[in-house]
Amino acid sequence: MTLAMLVIMAETTGNCLAIGKLTGKPTTPQTLGNAFRADGLSTMLGGLFNSFPYNAFTQNTGLIALSNVKSRFVVAAAGATILLNVLLNNEKKSTDSVDVSAAEWVD
């Protein structure tokens, strides 16, 4: 786990530095410390649920560079859209289409 966290810290450092350059906001030691704390907290929470360590994906940094969208409100709007789709989804779930009653299993 220690080796995995060292790799995550290296990747987080690269992501923070790249995003700082893309957005024009300088990456300070405090920014890096906050990012490391967030990665550590998410990894601890993931460990409670027997999950792998979490980290920010470099693909997201590439999306910032390609789209030139630098606002965090875009992410919030996308999250709200996903939440609305989940809450308002009236289609049948894949498990609803399977109709197997207990009587079919009894010989």
N, C-alpha and C. Protein backbone atom coordinates (compact mmCIF):
# COMPACT_ATOMS: atom_id res chain seq x y z
N MET A 1 0.83 -1.19 0.00
CA MET A 1 0.00 0.00 0.00
C MET A 1 0.87 1.25 0.00
N THR A 2 2.01 1.19 0.70
CA THR A 2 2.90 2.36 0.74
C THR A 2 3.42 2.69 -0.64
N LEU A 3 3.78 1.66 -1.40
CA LEU A 3 4.27 1.89 -2.75
C LEU A 3 3.17 2.51 -3.63
N ALA A 4 1.96 2.01 -3.48
CA ALA A 4 0.85 2.56 -4.25
C ALA A 4 0.63 4.03 -3.91
N MET A 5 0.71 4.38 -2.64
CA MET A 5 0.51 5.78 -2.24
C MET A 5 1.64 6.67 -2.75
N LEU A 6 2.86 6.16 -2.81
CA LEU A 6 3.96 6.95 -3.37
C LEU A 6 3.72 7.24 -4.85
N VAL A 7 3.23 6.25 -5.57
CA VAL A 7 2.91 6.45 -6.99
C VAL A 7 1.77 7.46 -7.14
N ILE A 8 0.76 7.35 -6.29
CA ILE A 8 -0.37 8.29 -6.34
C ILE A 8 0.10 9.70 -6.03
N MET A 9 1.01 9.85 -5.07
CA MET A 9 1.52 11.17 -4.74
C MET A 9 2.29 11.77 -5.92
N ALA A 10 3.05 10.95 -6.62
CA ALA A 10 3.79 11.44 -7.80
C ALA A 10 2.81 11.88 -8.89
N GLU A 11 1.78 11.08 -9.11
CA GLU A 11 0.80 11.43 -10.13
C GLU A 11 0.02 12.68 -9.74
N THR A 12 -0.33 12.81 -8.47
CA THR A 12 -1.05 13.98 -7.99
C THR A 12 -0.20 15.24 -8.16
N THR A 13 1.10 15.12 -7.88
CA THR A 13 1.99 16.26 -8.06
C THR A 13 1.99 16.71 -9.52
N GLY A 14 2.12 15.76 -10.43
CA GLY A 14 2.11 16.09 -11.86
C GLY A 14 0.80 16.70 -12.29
N ASN A 15 -0.32 16.16 -11.81
CA ASN A 15 -1.63 16.70 -12.16
C ASN A 15 -1.78 18.13 -11.66
N CYS A 16 -1.39 18.37 -10.42
CA CYS A 16 -1.52 19.72 -9.84
C CYS A 16 -0.67 20.73 -10.60
N LEU A 17 0.56 20.34 -10.92
CA LEU A 17 1.43 21.26 -11.65
C LEU A 17 0.89 21.54 -13.05
N ALA A 18 0.39 20.51 -13.74
CA ALA A 18 -0.15 20.69 -15.09
C ALA A 18 -1.41 21.54 -15.07
N ILE A 19 -2.30 21.28 -14.13
CA ILE A 19 -3.54 22.06 -14.05
C ILE A 19 -3.23 23.50 -13.66
N GLY A 20 -2.23 23.70 -12.81
CA GLY A 20 -1.82 25.06 -12.46
C GLY A 20 -1.34 25.83 -13.68
N LYS A 21 -0.58 25.17 -14.53
CA LYS A 21 -0.11 25.84 -15.76
C LYS A 21 -1.27 26.10 -16.73
N LEU A 22 -2.19 25.15 -16.85
CA LEU A 22 -3.30 25.30 -17.79
C LEU A 22 -4.25 26.41 -17.38
N THR A 23 -4.48 26.53 -16.08
CA THR A 23 -5.45 27.53 -15.60
C THR A 23 -4.81 28.86 -15.28
N GLY A 24 -3.49 28.92 -15.26
CA GLY A 24 -2.81 30.17 -14.94
C GLY A 24 -2.75 30.46 -13.45
N LYS A 25 -3.13 29.50 -12.63
CA LYS A 25 -3.07 29.66 -11.18
C LYS A 25 -1.83 28.93 -10.68
N PRO A 26 -0.94 29.61 -10.00
CA PRO A 26 0.29 28.95 -9.56
C PRO A 26 0.01 27.85 -8.53
N THR A 27 0.77 26.78 -8.64
CA THR A 27 0.64 25.66 -7.70
C THR A 27 1.57 25.92 -6.52
N THR A 28 0.99 26.12 -5.37
CA THR A 28 1.76 26.40 -4.16
C THR A 28 1.95 25.13 -3.35
N PRO A 29 2.90 25.14 -2.41
CA PRO A 29 3.02 23.98 -1.52
C PRO A 29 1.72 23.68 -0.76
N GLN A 30 0.95 24.73 -0.45
CA GLN A 30 -0.33 24.50 0.23
C GLN A 30 -1.31 23.76 -0.68
N THR A 31 -1.32 24.11 -1.97
CA THR A 31 -2.18 23.42 -2.93
C THR A 31 -1.81 21.94 -3.02
N LEU A 32 -0.51 21.66 -3.10
CA LEU A 32 -0.07 20.26 -3.15
C LEU A 32 -0.42 19.53 -1.86
N GLY A 33 -0.24 20.20 -0.73
CA GLY A 33 -0.60 19.58 0.55
C GLY A 33 -2.08 19.24 0.63
N ASN A 34 -2.91 20.17 0.15
CA ASN A 34 -4.36 19.91 0.13
C ASN A 34 -4.70 18.73 -0.77
N ALA A 35 -4.03 18.65 -1.92
CA ALA A 35 -4.28 17.53 -2.84
C ALA A 35 -3.84 16.21 -2.23
N PHE A 36 -2.70 16.21 -1.54
CA PHE A 36 -2.23 14.98 -0.89
C PHE A 36 -3.18 14.56 0.23
N ARG A 37 -3.68 15.53 0.99
CA ARG A 37 -4.63 15.21 2.06
C ARG A 37 -5.93 14.64 1.48
N ALA A 38 -6.39 15.21 0.38
CA ALA A 38 -7.62 14.71 -0.25
C ALA A 38 -7.42 13.28 -0.75
N ASP A 39 -6.27 13.01 -1.36
CA ASP A 39 -5.98 11.64 -1.81
C ASP A 39 -5.89 10.68 -0.63
N GLY A 40 -5.25 11.11 0.44
CA GLY A 40 -5.14 10.26 1.62
C GLY A 40 -6.49 9.97 2.25
N LEU A 41 -7.34 11.00 2.34
CA LEU A 41 -8.67 10.81 2.91
C LEU A 41 -9.52 9.87 2.05
N SER A 42 -9.47 10.07 0.73
CA SER A 42 -10.27 9.20 -0.14
C SER A 42 -9.76 7.76 -0.09
N THR A 43 -8.46 7.59 0.06
CA THR A 43 -7.91 6.23 0.17
C THR A 43 -8.33 5.58 1.48
N MET A 44 -8.34 6.37 2.56
CA MET A 44 -8.79 5.82 3.85
C MET A 44 -10.26 5.43 3.79
N LEU A 45 -11.08 6.28 3.19
CA LEU A 45 -12.50 5.95 3.07
C LEU A 45 -12.70 4.73 2.17
N GLY A 46 -11.92 4.65 1.09
CA GLY A 46 -12.00 3.47 0.23
C GLY A 46 -11.58 2.21 0.97
N GLY A 47 -10.59 2.33 1.85
CA GLY A 47 -10.16 1.17 2.63
C GLY A 47 -11.24 0.65 3.56
N LEU A 48 -12.10 1.55 4.04
CA LEU A 48 -13.21 1.11 4.89
C LEU A 48 -14.18 0.22 4.13
N PHE A 49 -14.26 0.42 2.81
CA PHE A 49 -15.16 -0.36 1.97
C PHE A 49 -14.41 -1.40 1.14
N ASN A 50 -13.18 -1.71 1.56
CA ASN A 50 -12.35 -2.73 0.91
C ASN A 50 -12.14 -2.40 -0.57
N SER A 51 -11.74 -1.17 -0.83
CA SER A 51 -11.55 -0.69 -2.20
C SER A 51 -10.09 -0.34 -2.44
N PHE A 52 -9.77 -0.04 -3.68
CA PHE A 52 -8.42 0.36 -4.05
C PHE A 52 -8.21 1.84 -3.73
N PRO A 53 -6.95 2.27 -3.69
CA PRO A 53 -6.69 3.71 -3.50
C PRO A 53 -7.23 4.52 -4.67
N TYR A 54 -7.75 5.69 -4.36
CA TYR A 54 -8.30 6.58 -5.37
C TYR A 54 -7.27 7.65 -5.71
N ASN A 55 -7.34 8.17 -6.91
CA ASN A 55 -6.52 9.31 -7.29
C ASN A 55 -7.18 10.04 -8.45
N ALA A 56 -6.71 11.25 -8.68
CA ALA A 56 -7.22 12.03 -9.81
C ALA A 56 -6.62 11.48 -11.10
N PHE A 57 -7.43 11.37 -12.11
CA PHE A 57 -6.97 10.80 -13.36
C PHE A 57 -6.31 11.86 -14.24
N THR A 58 -5.24 11.49 -14.87
CA THR A 58 -4.53 12.40 -15.76
C THR A 58 -5.38 12.73 -16.99
N GLN A 59 -6.31 11.85 -17.35
CA GLN A 59 -7.19 12.12 -18.48
C GLN A 59 -7.99 13.40 -18.26
N ASN A 60 -8.35 13.67 -17.00
CA ASN A 60 -9.09 14.89 -16.71
C ASN A 60 -8.25 16.12 -16.99
N THR A 61 -6.96 16.04 -16.72
CA THR A 61 -6.07 17.15 -17.04
C THR A 61 -6.01 17.35 -18.55
N GLY A 62 -5.99 16.27 -19.29
CA GLY A 62 -6.00 16.36 -20.75
C GLY A 62 -7.29 16.98 -21.27
N LEU A 63 -8.41 16.68 -20.62
CA LEU A 63 -9.68 17.27 -21.03
C LEU A 63 -9.69 18.78 -20.81
N ILE A 64 -9.06 19.23 -19.74
CA ILE A 64 -8.96 20.67 -19.50
C ILE A 64 -8.16 21.32 -20.62
N ALA A 65 -7.07 20.67 -21.01
CA ALA A 65 -6.22 21.22 -22.07
C ALA A 65 -6.95 21.22 -23.42
N LEU A 66 -7.70 20.15 -23.72
CA LEU A 66 -8.38 20.06 -25.01
C LEU A 66 -9.60 20.97 -25.10
N SER A 67 -10.39 21.01 -24.04
CA SER A 67 -11.64 21.78 -24.10
C SER A 67 -11.47 23.23 -23.73
N ASN A 68 -10.40 23.55 -23.01
CA ASN A 68 -10.13 24.91 -22.54
C ASN A 68 -11.21 25.39 -21.57
N VAL A 69 -11.94 24.47 -20.95
CA VAL A 69 -12.93 24.79 -19.94
C VAL A 69 -12.23 24.70 -18.59
N LYS A 70 -12.22 25.81 -17.86
CA LYS A 70 -11.45 25.87 -16.61
C LYS A 70 -12.33 26.16 -15.40
N SER A 71 -13.62 26.01 -15.53
CA SER A 71 -14.53 26.33 -14.44
C SER A 71 -14.98 25.07 -13.71
N ARG A 72 -14.98 25.12 -12.40
CA ARG A 72 -15.45 23.97 -11.62
C ARG A 72 -16.96 23.86 -11.66
N PHE A 73 -17.63 24.94 -12.06
CA PHE A 73 -19.09 24.91 -12.14
C PHE A 73 -19.58 24.00 -13.27
N VAL A 74 -18.75 23.78 -14.27
CA VAL A 74 -19.10 22.84 -15.33
C VAL A 74 -19.21 21.43 -14.75
N VAL A 75 -18.29 21.09 -13.86
CA VAL A 75 -18.33 19.78 -13.21
C VAL A 75 -19.57 19.66 -12.32
N ALA A 76 -19.90 20.73 -11.61
CA ALA A 76 -21.09 20.71 -10.76
C ALA A 76 -22.36 20.56 -11.61
N ALA A 77 -22.41 21.23 -12.75
CA ALA A 77 -23.58 21.11 -13.63
C ALA A 77 -23.68 19.70 -14.19
N ALA A 78 -22.55 19.10 -14.55
CA ALA A 78 -22.58 17.72 -15.05
C ALA A 78 -23.05 16.77 -13.96
N GLY A 79 -22.59 16.98 -12.74
CA GLY A 79 -23.04 16.13 -11.62
C GLY A 79 -24.52 16.28 -11.37
N ALA A 80 -25.03 17.50 -11.44
CA ALA A 80 -26.47 17.73 -11.25
C ALA A 80 -27.28 17.07 -12.36
N THR A 81 -26.76 17.11 -13.57
CA THR A 81 -27.44 16.47 -14.70
C THR A 81 -27.51 14.96 -14.51
N ILE A 82 -26.41 14.38 -14.07
CA ILE A 82 -26.39 12.93 -13.82
C ILE A 82 -27.36 12.58 -12.71
N LEU A 83 -27.37 13.37 -11.64
CA LEU A 83 -28.28 13.11 -10.53
C LEU A 83 -29.73 13.21 -10.96
N LEU A 84 -30.07 14.20 -11.77
CA LEU A 84 -31.44 14.32 -12.28
C LEU A 84 -31.82 13.14 -13.16
N ASN A 85 -30.90 12.69 -13.99
CA ASN A 85 -31.18 11.52 -14.83
C ASN A 85 -31.45 10.28 -13.99
N VAL A 86 -30.72 10.12 -12.93
CA VAL A 86 -30.93 8.96 -12.06
C VAL A 86 -32.28 9.06 -11.34
N LEU A 87 -32.58 10.24 -10.82
CA LEU A 87 -33.82 10.40 -10.06
C LEU A 87 -35.07 10.36 -10.93
N LEU A 88 -34.96 10.82 -12.16
CA LEU A 88 -36.12 10.89 -13.04
C LEU A 88 -36.23 9.74 -14.02
N ASN A 89 -35.38 8.75 -13.89
CA ASN A 89 -35.36 7.63 -14.82
C ASN A 89 -36.55 6.72 -14.53
N ASN A 90 -37.46 6.61 -15.50
CA ASN A 90 -38.64 5.77 -15.34
C ASN A 90 -38.56 4.48 -16.15
N GLU A 91 -37.46 4.26 -16.82
CA GLU A 91 -37.33 3.04 -17.61
C GLU A 91 -37.17 1.84 -16.70
N LYS A 92 -37.52 0.68 -17.24
CA LYS A 92 -37.35 -0.54 -16.47
C LYS A 92 -35.87 -0.83 -16.30
N LYS A 93 -35.53 -1.31 -15.15
CA LYS A 93 -34.16 -1.72 -14.90
C LYS A 93 -33.95 -3.09 -15.54
N SER A 94 -32.72 -3.48 -15.76
CA SER A 94 -32.43 -4.76 -16.41
C SER A 94 -32.93 -5.93 -15.57
N THR A 95 -32.99 -5.76 -14.23
CA THR A 95 -33.49 -6.85 -13.40
C THR A 95 -35.00 -6.95 -13.43
N ASP A 96 -35.69 -5.87 -13.84
CA ASP A 96 -37.15 -5.91 -13.90
C ASP A 96 -37.65 -6.77 -15.05
N SER A 97 -36.85 -6.94 -16.07
CA SER A 97 -37.31 -7.69 -17.23
C SER A 97 -37.26 -9.20 -17.00
N VAL A 98 -36.56 -9.63 -15.96
CA VAL A 98 -36.48 -11.05 -15.64
C VAL A 98 -37.61 -11.38 -14.67
N ASP A 99 -38.54 -12.23 -15.11
CA ASP A 99 -39.66 -12.58 -14.27
C ASP A 99 -39.60 -14.07 -13.95
N VAL A 100 -38.93 -14.38 -12.88
CA VAL A 100 -38.80 -15.75 -12.46
C VAL A 100 -39.46 -15.90 -11.10
N SER A 101 -40.55 -16.61 -11.08
CA SER A 101 -41.23 -16.78 -9.79
C SER A 101 -40.68 -18.00 -9.07
N ALA A 102 -40.92 -18.05 -7.80
CA ALA A 102 -40.41 -19.16 -6.99
C ALA A 102 -41.08 -20.47 -7.38
N ALA A 103 -42.30 -20.41 -7.91
CA ALA A 103 -43.03 -21.62 -8.29
C ALA A 103 -42.34 -22.35 -9.43
N GLU A 104 -41.61 -21.65 -10.29
CA GLU A 104 -40.92 -22.30 -11.41
C GLU A 104 -39.75 -23.16 -10.95
N TRP A 105 -39.24 -22.88 -9.76
CA TRP A 105 -38.09 -23.61 -9.27
C TRP A 105 -38.47 -24.87 -8.49
N VAL A 106 -39.73 -24.97 -8.12
CA VAL A 106 -40.18 -26.12 -7.34
C VAL A 106 -40.60 -27.22 -8.30
N ASP A 107 -40.10 -28.41 -8.09
CA ASP A 107 -40.47 -29.56 -8.94
C ASP A 107 -41.73 -30.21 -8.47
